[in-house]
Amino acid sequence: MTLKTHVDLAPKDGGEGWKLAFTTNGMCAYEEETKKPFTSVSEALSDASHGRLSVRALRTILWAGLQEHHEGTTMRDAGKVLDASGMTAAGKAIGDAIRLAFPEEKPAAGNGDKAGKPAGGAPKETTGKS
C-alpha cells in the first residue's frame, strides 16, 4: 500500500489539476512569505469557516501547498488556481492536505493509549492531605 502524500485539486471545468502537499519546504515557504509560523494557517482557516475569509491568506496557503509538486508557482499563479478550482474546493483540499501532513497518532498496540504516552496518563496531583 502506498502512503498518499498529496491531495488532488481539480479545476471546475475539468482538465488537468494540481497536487497540494504541505511538506517541510512548503511550510517553510509559507513562513518565509508571511513572516508567521505555519501554525497561523489554522487561525486563517478557522476565520474562513466563520465567514471571515481572507482571500489573500487563502491564496498564500494554497501557494505554499503547490510548491512541492509545482515548483516555481507564483502568487499570481496560485490566484489563477484558486479561480479555476473555486474557493470552496480549494479550501477543502487545503484542509485535507494539512491533515495528511499532520496525521493523528494511532493508539499503540496493547496499552489503549496514544503512542508515546505512558499507560495510565499523567500522575495525579496530591494536596498533601489524606
N, C-alpha and C. Protein backbone atom coordinates (compact mmCIF):
# COMPACT_ATOMS: atom_id res chain seq x y z
N MET A 1 0.84 -1.17 0.00
CA MET A 1 0.00 0.00 0.00
C MET A 1 0.89 1.24 0.00
N THR A 2 0.57 2.19 -0.87
CA THR A 2 1.34 3.42 -0.98
C THR A 2 0.71 4.49 -0.09
N LEU A 3 1.55 5.17 0.65
CA LEU A 3 1.10 6.25 1.51
C LEU A 3 0.84 7.48 0.65
N LYS A 4 -0.36 8.04 0.73
CA LYS A 4 -0.70 9.23 -0.05
C LYS A 4 -0.03 10.44 0.59
N THR A 5 0.65 11.22 -0.23
CA THR A 5 1.39 12.37 0.29
C THR A 5 0.89 13.70 -0.24
N HIS A 6 -0.14 13.67 -1.08
CA HIS A 6 -0.68 14.91 -1.63
C HIS A 6 -2.18 14.78 -1.82
N VAL A 7 -2.81 15.92 -2.06
CA VAL A 7 -4.24 15.97 -2.35
C VAL A 7 -4.40 16.55 -3.75
N ASP A 8 -5.27 15.95 -4.54
CA ASP A 8 -5.53 16.46 -5.88
C ASP A 8 -6.57 17.57 -5.82
N LEU A 9 -6.34 18.62 -6.60
CA LEU A 9 -7.27 19.74 -6.72
C LEU A 9 -7.58 19.90 -8.19
N ALA A 10 -8.85 19.75 -8.55
CA ALA A 10 -9.25 19.79 -9.96
C ALA A 10 -9.88 21.13 -10.31
N PRO A 11 -9.72 21.57 -11.55
CA PRO A 11 -10.41 22.78 -11.98
C PRO A 11 -11.91 22.50 -12.13
N LYS A 12 -12.72 23.53 -11.98
CA LYS A 12 -14.18 23.38 -12.06
C LYS A 12 -14.62 22.85 -13.42
N ASP A 13 -13.91 23.22 -14.49
CA ASP A 13 -14.32 22.82 -15.83
C ASP A 13 -13.64 21.55 -16.32
N GLY A 14 -13.02 20.81 -15.42
CA GLY A 14 -12.34 19.58 -15.80
C GLY A 14 -10.92 19.88 -16.28
N GLY A 15 -10.28 18.89 -16.79
CA GLY A 15 -8.91 19.08 -17.25
C GLY A 15 -7.91 18.71 -16.18
N GLU A 16 -6.65 19.00 -16.48
CA GLU A 16 -5.57 18.64 -15.57
C GLU A 16 -5.60 19.54 -14.34
N GLY A 17 -5.41 18.92 -13.20
CA GLY A 17 -5.46 19.64 -11.93
C GLY A 17 -4.09 19.84 -11.33
N TRP A 18 -4.08 20.03 -10.03
CA TRP A 18 -2.86 20.33 -9.29
C TRP A 18 -2.75 19.39 -8.10
N LYS A 19 -1.53 19.27 -7.58
CA LYS A 19 -1.27 18.45 -6.40
C LYS A 19 -0.86 19.38 -5.26
N LEU A 20 -1.55 19.25 -4.13
CA LEU A 20 -1.23 20.03 -2.94
C LEU A 20 -0.55 19.14 -1.92
N ALA A 21 0.54 19.63 -1.35
CA ALA A 21 1.24 18.90 -0.29
C ALA A 21 1.94 19.90 0.61
N PHE A 22 1.71 19.77 1.90
CA PHE A 22 2.38 20.64 2.86
C PHE A 22 3.59 19.91 3.43
N THR A 23 4.66 19.95 2.64
CA THR A 23 5.94 19.36 3.04
C THR A 23 6.69 20.39 3.90
N THR A 24 7.81 19.96 4.43
CA THR A 24 8.64 20.89 5.21
C THR A 24 9.00 22.12 4.38
N ASN A 25 9.39 21.90 3.13
CA ASN A 25 9.77 23.04 2.29
C ASN A 25 8.58 23.95 2.00
N GLY A 26 7.41 23.38 1.78
CA GLY A 26 6.22 24.19 1.56
C GLY A 26 5.84 25.00 2.79
N MET A 27 5.95 24.37 3.97
CA MET A 27 5.64 25.09 5.21
C MET A 27 6.65 26.21 5.45
N CYS A 28 7.92 25.94 5.15
CA CYS A 28 8.95 26.98 5.30
C CYS A 28 8.70 28.12 4.31
N ALA A 29 8.27 27.79 3.10
CA ALA A 29 7.96 28.83 2.11
C ALA A 29 6.85 29.74 2.64
N TYR A 30 5.84 29.13 3.26
CA TYR A 30 4.75 29.93 3.86
C TYR A 30 5.32 30.86 4.93
N GLU A 31 6.15 30.31 5.81
CA GLU A 31 6.72 31.12 6.90
C GLU A 31 7.60 32.24 6.36
N GLU A 32 8.38 31.96 5.33
CA GLU A 32 9.24 32.99 4.74
C GLU A 32 8.40 34.09 4.10
N GLU A 33 7.33 33.71 3.43
CA GLU A 33 6.47 34.68 2.75
C GLU A 33 5.69 35.55 3.73
N THR A 34 5.15 34.94 4.77
CA THR A 34 4.26 35.67 5.68
C THR A 34 4.94 36.21 6.93
N LYS A 35 6.13 35.70 7.22
CA LYS A 35 6.84 36.04 8.47
C LYS A 35 6.04 35.59 9.69
N LYS A 36 5.22 34.56 9.51
CA LYS A 36 4.42 33.97 10.59
C LYS A 36 4.72 32.48 10.65
N PRO A 37 4.53 31.86 11.82
CA PRO A 37 4.72 30.41 11.90
C PRO A 37 3.62 29.69 11.11
N PHE A 38 3.92 28.49 10.65
CA PHE A 38 2.94 27.74 9.87
C PHE A 38 1.67 27.48 10.68
N THR A 39 1.78 27.45 11.99
CA THR A 39 0.60 27.22 12.82
C THR A 39 -0.44 28.32 12.65
N SER A 40 -0.06 29.48 12.11
CA SER A 40 -1.03 30.55 11.88
C SER A 40 -2.04 30.17 10.80
N VAL A 41 -1.73 29.14 10.01
CA VAL A 41 -2.66 28.66 8.99
C VAL A 41 -3.97 28.22 9.62
N SER A 42 -3.90 27.55 10.77
CA SER A 42 -5.14 27.07 11.41
C SER A 42 -6.04 28.24 11.80
N GLU A 43 -5.46 29.35 12.21
CA GLU A 43 -6.26 30.54 12.54
C GLU A 43 -6.94 31.10 11.29
N ALA A 44 -6.19 31.17 10.19
CA ALA A 44 -6.76 31.67 8.94
C ALA A 44 -7.90 30.78 8.45
N LEU A 45 -7.72 29.47 8.56
CA LEU A 45 -8.78 28.55 8.13
C LEU A 45 -9.97 28.61 9.06
N SER A 46 -9.74 28.79 10.35
CA SER A 46 -10.83 28.93 11.31
C SER A 46 -11.62 30.20 11.01
N ASP A 47 -10.91 31.29 10.73
CA ASP A 47 -11.59 32.54 10.37
C ASP A 47 -12.46 32.33 9.14
N ALA A 48 -11.93 31.62 8.14
CA ALA A 48 -12.68 31.36 6.91
C ALA A 48 -13.94 30.56 7.19
N SER A 49 -13.85 29.58 8.08
CA SER A 49 -15.02 28.76 8.39
C SER A 49 -16.07 29.54 9.18
N HIS A 50 -15.68 30.68 9.75
CA HIS A 50 -16.63 31.53 10.48
C HIS A 50 -17.02 32.77 9.67
N GLY A 51 -16.83 32.70 8.36
CA GLY A 51 -17.26 33.78 7.48
C GLY A 51 -16.31 34.97 7.41
N ARG A 52 -15.11 34.83 7.95
CA ARG A 52 -14.14 35.93 7.91
C ARG A 52 -12.98 35.52 7.00
N LEU A 53 -13.31 35.29 5.74
CA LEU A 53 -12.34 34.79 4.78
C LEU A 53 -11.37 35.88 4.34
N SER A 54 -10.10 35.61 4.46
CA SER A 54 -9.07 36.47 3.87
C SER A 54 -8.62 35.77 2.59
N VAL A 55 -9.01 36.33 1.46
CA VAL A 55 -8.64 35.73 0.18
C VAL A 55 -7.12 35.73 0.02
N ARG A 56 -6.48 36.78 0.50
CA ARG A 56 -5.02 36.85 0.43
C ARG A 56 -4.38 35.70 1.22
N ALA A 57 -4.91 35.44 2.41
CA ALA A 57 -4.37 34.34 3.22
C ALA A 57 -4.61 33.00 2.54
N LEU A 58 -5.82 32.81 1.99
CA LEU A 58 -6.14 31.56 1.31
C LEU A 58 -5.21 31.35 0.12
N ARG A 59 -4.98 32.40 -0.65
CA ARG A 59 -4.08 32.30 -1.81
C ARG A 59 -2.66 31.95 -1.37
N THR A 60 -2.20 32.56 -0.27
CA THR A 60 -0.84 32.30 0.21
C THR A 60 -0.70 30.87 0.71
N ILE A 61 -1.70 30.37 1.41
CA ILE A 61 -1.67 28.98 1.90
C ILE A 61 -1.66 28.02 0.70
N LEU A 62 -2.52 28.30 -0.27
CA LEU A 62 -2.57 27.47 -1.48
C LEU A 62 -1.22 27.50 -2.20
N TRP A 63 -0.65 28.68 -2.34
CA TRP A 63 0.67 28.84 -2.98
C TRP A 63 1.71 27.95 -2.31
N ALA A 64 1.74 27.96 -0.98
CA ALA A 64 2.72 27.15 -0.25
C ALA A 64 2.48 25.66 -0.50
N GLY A 65 1.22 25.25 -0.54
CA GLY A 65 0.90 23.85 -0.78
C GLY A 65 1.21 23.38 -2.19
N LEU A 66 1.31 24.30 -3.13
CA LEU A 66 1.63 23.95 -4.51
C LEU A 66 3.12 23.79 -4.76
N GLN A 67 3.96 24.31 -3.89
CA GLN A 67 5.40 24.38 -4.14
C GLN A 67 6.08 23.03 -4.34
N GLU A 68 5.65 21.99 -3.65
CA GLU A 68 6.32 20.69 -3.75
C GLU A 68 6.18 20.08 -5.14
N HIS A 69 4.99 20.12 -5.70
CA HIS A 69 4.74 19.47 -6.99
C HIS A 69 4.70 20.45 -8.16
N HIS A 70 4.63 21.73 -7.87
CA HIS A 70 4.56 22.75 -8.91
C HIS A 70 5.55 23.87 -8.56
N GLU A 71 6.81 23.48 -8.43
CA GLU A 71 7.86 24.41 -8.00
C GLU A 71 7.91 25.61 -8.94
N GLY A 72 8.07 26.77 -8.35
CA GLY A 72 8.13 28.00 -9.14
C GLY A 72 6.78 28.67 -9.31
N THR A 73 5.73 28.05 -8.78
CA THR A 73 4.40 28.67 -8.84
C THR A 73 4.46 30.02 -8.14
N THR A 74 3.95 31.05 -8.80
CA THR A 74 3.94 32.39 -8.22
C THR A 74 2.62 32.62 -7.48
N MET A 75 2.56 33.71 -6.74
CA MET A 75 1.31 34.08 -6.07
C MET A 75 0.22 34.31 -7.12
N ARG A 76 0.59 34.94 -8.21
CA ARG A 76 -0.39 35.19 -9.28
C ARG A 76 -0.91 33.85 -9.84
N ASP A 77 0.00 32.89 -10.02
CA ASP A 77 -0.41 31.55 -10.47
C ASP A 77 -1.37 30.92 -9.46
N ALA A 78 -1.05 31.05 -8.18
CA ALA A 78 -1.90 30.47 -7.13
C ALA A 78 -3.29 31.11 -7.17
N GLY A 79 -3.36 32.39 -7.45
CA GLY A 79 -4.65 33.06 -7.60
C GLY A 79 -5.45 32.49 -8.76
N LYS A 80 -4.76 32.17 -9.85
CA LYS A 80 -5.43 31.57 -11.01
C LYS A 80 -5.93 30.16 -10.68
N VAL A 81 -5.14 29.41 -9.90
CA VAL A 81 -5.58 28.08 -9.46
C VAL A 81 -6.82 28.22 -8.58
N LEU A 82 -6.82 29.20 -7.70
CA LEU A 82 -7.97 29.45 -6.83
C LEU A 82 -9.21 29.78 -7.65
N ASP A 83 -9.05 30.62 -8.67
CA ASP A 83 -10.17 30.95 -9.55
C ASP A 83 -10.67 29.72 -10.31
N ALA A 84 -9.73 28.93 -10.82
CA ALA A 84 -10.09 27.77 -11.65
C ALA A 84 -10.74 26.65 -10.85
N SER A 85 -10.33 26.48 -9.60
CA SER A 85 -10.86 25.37 -8.80
C SER A 85 -12.05 25.79 -7.94
N GLY A 86 -12.12 27.07 -7.60
CA GLY A 86 -13.17 27.56 -6.72
C GLY A 86 -12.68 27.59 -5.28
N MET A 87 -13.13 28.59 -4.54
CA MET A 87 -12.65 28.76 -3.16
C MET A 87 -13.07 27.62 -2.25
N THR A 88 -14.27 27.11 -2.42
CA THR A 88 -14.73 26.02 -1.56
C THR A 88 -13.89 24.77 -1.77
N ALA A 89 -13.69 24.38 -3.03
CA ALA A 89 -12.89 23.19 -3.34
C ALA A 89 -11.45 23.37 -2.90
N ALA A 90 -10.90 24.56 -3.11
CA ALA A 90 -9.51 24.82 -2.71
C ALA A 90 -9.38 24.77 -1.19
N GLY A 91 -10.34 25.35 -0.48
CA GLY A 91 -10.31 25.33 0.98
C GLY A 91 -10.37 23.91 1.52
N LYS A 92 -11.22 23.08 0.92
CA LYS A 92 -11.32 21.67 1.35
C LYS A 92 -10.00 20.94 1.06
N ALA A 93 -9.44 21.16 -0.12
CA ALA A 93 -8.18 20.50 -0.48
C ALA A 93 -7.05 20.93 0.45
N ILE A 94 -7.02 22.20 0.81
CA ILE A 94 -6.00 22.70 1.75
C ILE A 94 -6.14 21.98 3.09
N GLY A 95 -7.37 21.91 3.60
CA GLY A 95 -7.60 21.21 4.88
C GLY A 95 -7.18 19.75 4.81
N ASP A 96 -7.54 19.08 3.71
CA ASP A 96 -7.17 17.67 3.55
C ASP A 96 -5.65 17.50 3.47
N ALA A 97 -4.97 18.40 2.76
CA ALA A 97 -3.52 18.31 2.62
C ALA A 97 -2.81 18.57 3.95
N ILE A 98 -3.36 19.47 4.75
CA ILE A 98 -2.78 19.73 6.07
C ILE A 98 -2.96 18.50 6.96
N ARG A 99 -4.14 17.86 6.88
CA ARG A 99 -4.35 16.63 7.67
C ARG A 99 -3.38 15.53 7.24
N LEU A 100 -3.05 15.46 5.96
CA LEU A 100 -2.05 14.48 5.51
C LEU A 100 -0.67 14.80 6.08
N ALA A 101 -0.36 16.09 6.19
CA ALA A 101 0.95 16.49 6.71
C ALA A 101 1.07 16.25 8.21
N PHE A 102 -0.07 16.29 8.90
CA PHE A 102 -0.07 16.11 10.36
C PHE A 102 -1.09 15.04 10.74
N PRO A 103 -0.81 13.78 10.41
CA PRO A 103 -1.77 12.72 10.72
C PRO A 103 -1.92 12.54 12.22
N GLU A 104 -3.13 12.13 12.63
CA GLU A 104 -3.37 11.86 14.05
C GLU A 104 -2.60 10.62 14.46
N GLU A 105 -2.11 10.64 15.68
CA GLU A 105 -1.41 9.46 16.19
C GLU A 105 -2.43 8.36 16.44
N LYS A 106 -2.03 7.14 16.16
CA LYS A 106 -2.89 5.99 16.44
C LYS A 106 -2.47 5.38 17.76
N PRO A 107 -3.43 4.82 18.50
CA PRO A 107 -3.07 4.19 19.77
C PRO A 107 -2.04 3.08 19.57
N ALA A 108 -1.11 2.98 20.49
CA ALA A 108 -0.12 1.91 20.44
C ALA A 108 -0.81 0.60 20.79
N ALA A 109 -0.38 -0.45 20.15
CA ALA A 109 -0.99 -1.76 20.40
C ALA A 109 -0.78 -2.18 21.84
N GLY A 110 -1.84 -2.61 22.48
CA GLY A 110 -1.72 -3.22 23.80
C GLY A 110 -1.93 -2.30 24.98
N ASN A 111 -1.78 -0.98 24.83
CA ASN A 111 -1.95 -0.17 26.03
C ASN A 111 -3.18 0.73 25.98
N GLY A 112 -3.87 0.80 24.84
CA GLY A 112 -5.10 1.56 24.77
C GLY A 112 -4.90 3.06 24.89
N ASP A 113 -3.68 3.54 24.80
CA ASP A 113 -3.39 4.96 24.92
C ASP A 113 -2.66 5.41 23.66
N LYS A 114 -2.50 6.71 23.50
CA LYS A 114 -1.79 7.22 22.33
C LYS A 114 -0.33 6.83 22.38
N ALA A 115 0.21 6.60 21.20
CA ALA A 115 1.63 6.23 21.10
C ALA A 115 2.48 7.32 21.72
N GLY A 116 3.49 6.91 22.44
CA GLY A 116 4.41 7.86 23.03
C GLY A 116 4.02 8.32 24.42
N LYS A 117 2.81 8.02 24.85
CA LYS A 117 2.39 8.41 26.20
C LYS A 117 2.41 7.17 27.08
N PRO A 118 2.83 7.32 28.31
CA PRO A 118 2.82 6.16 29.19
C PRO A 118 1.38 5.75 29.51
N ALA A 119 1.17 4.46 29.63
CA ALA A 119 -0.16 3.97 30.01
C ALA A 119 -0.51 4.51 31.38
N GLY A 120 -1.76 4.85 31.58
CA GLY A 120 -2.19 5.35 32.89
C GLY A 120 -2.26 6.86 32.94
N GLY A 121 -1.78 7.56 31.92
CA GLY A 121 -1.89 9.01 31.87
C GLY A 121 -0.93 9.71 32.80
N ALA A 122 -1.20 10.98 33.00
CA ALA A 122 -0.33 11.82 33.83
C ALA A 122 -0.53 11.49 35.30
N PRO A 123 0.51 11.67 36.11
CA PRO A 123 0.36 11.42 37.54
C PRO A 123 -0.64 12.39 38.15
N LYS A 124 -1.36 11.92 39.15
CA LYS A 124 -2.36 12.76 39.81
C LYS A 124 -1.68 13.69 40.79
N GLU A 125 -2.25 14.90 40.88
CA GLU A 125 -1.72 15.87 41.85
C GLU A 125 -2.12 15.45 43.25
N THR A 126 -1.24 15.73 44.17
CA THR A 126 -1.56 15.45 45.56
C THR A 126 -1.71 16.77 46.29
N THR A 127 -2.58 16.78 47.28
CA THR A 127 -2.81 18.01 48.04
C THR A 127 -2.06 18.00 49.36
N GLY A 128 -1.46 16.89 49.68
CA GLY A 128 -0.76 16.78 50.96
C GLY A 128 -1.68 16.33 52.07
N LYS A 129 -2.99 16.21 51.77
CA LYS A 129 -3.97 15.74 52.77
C LYS A 129 -4.32 14.31 52.46
N SER A 130 -4.65 13.53 53.47
CA SER A 130 -5.02 12.13 53.26
C SER A 130 -6.50 12.00 53.17
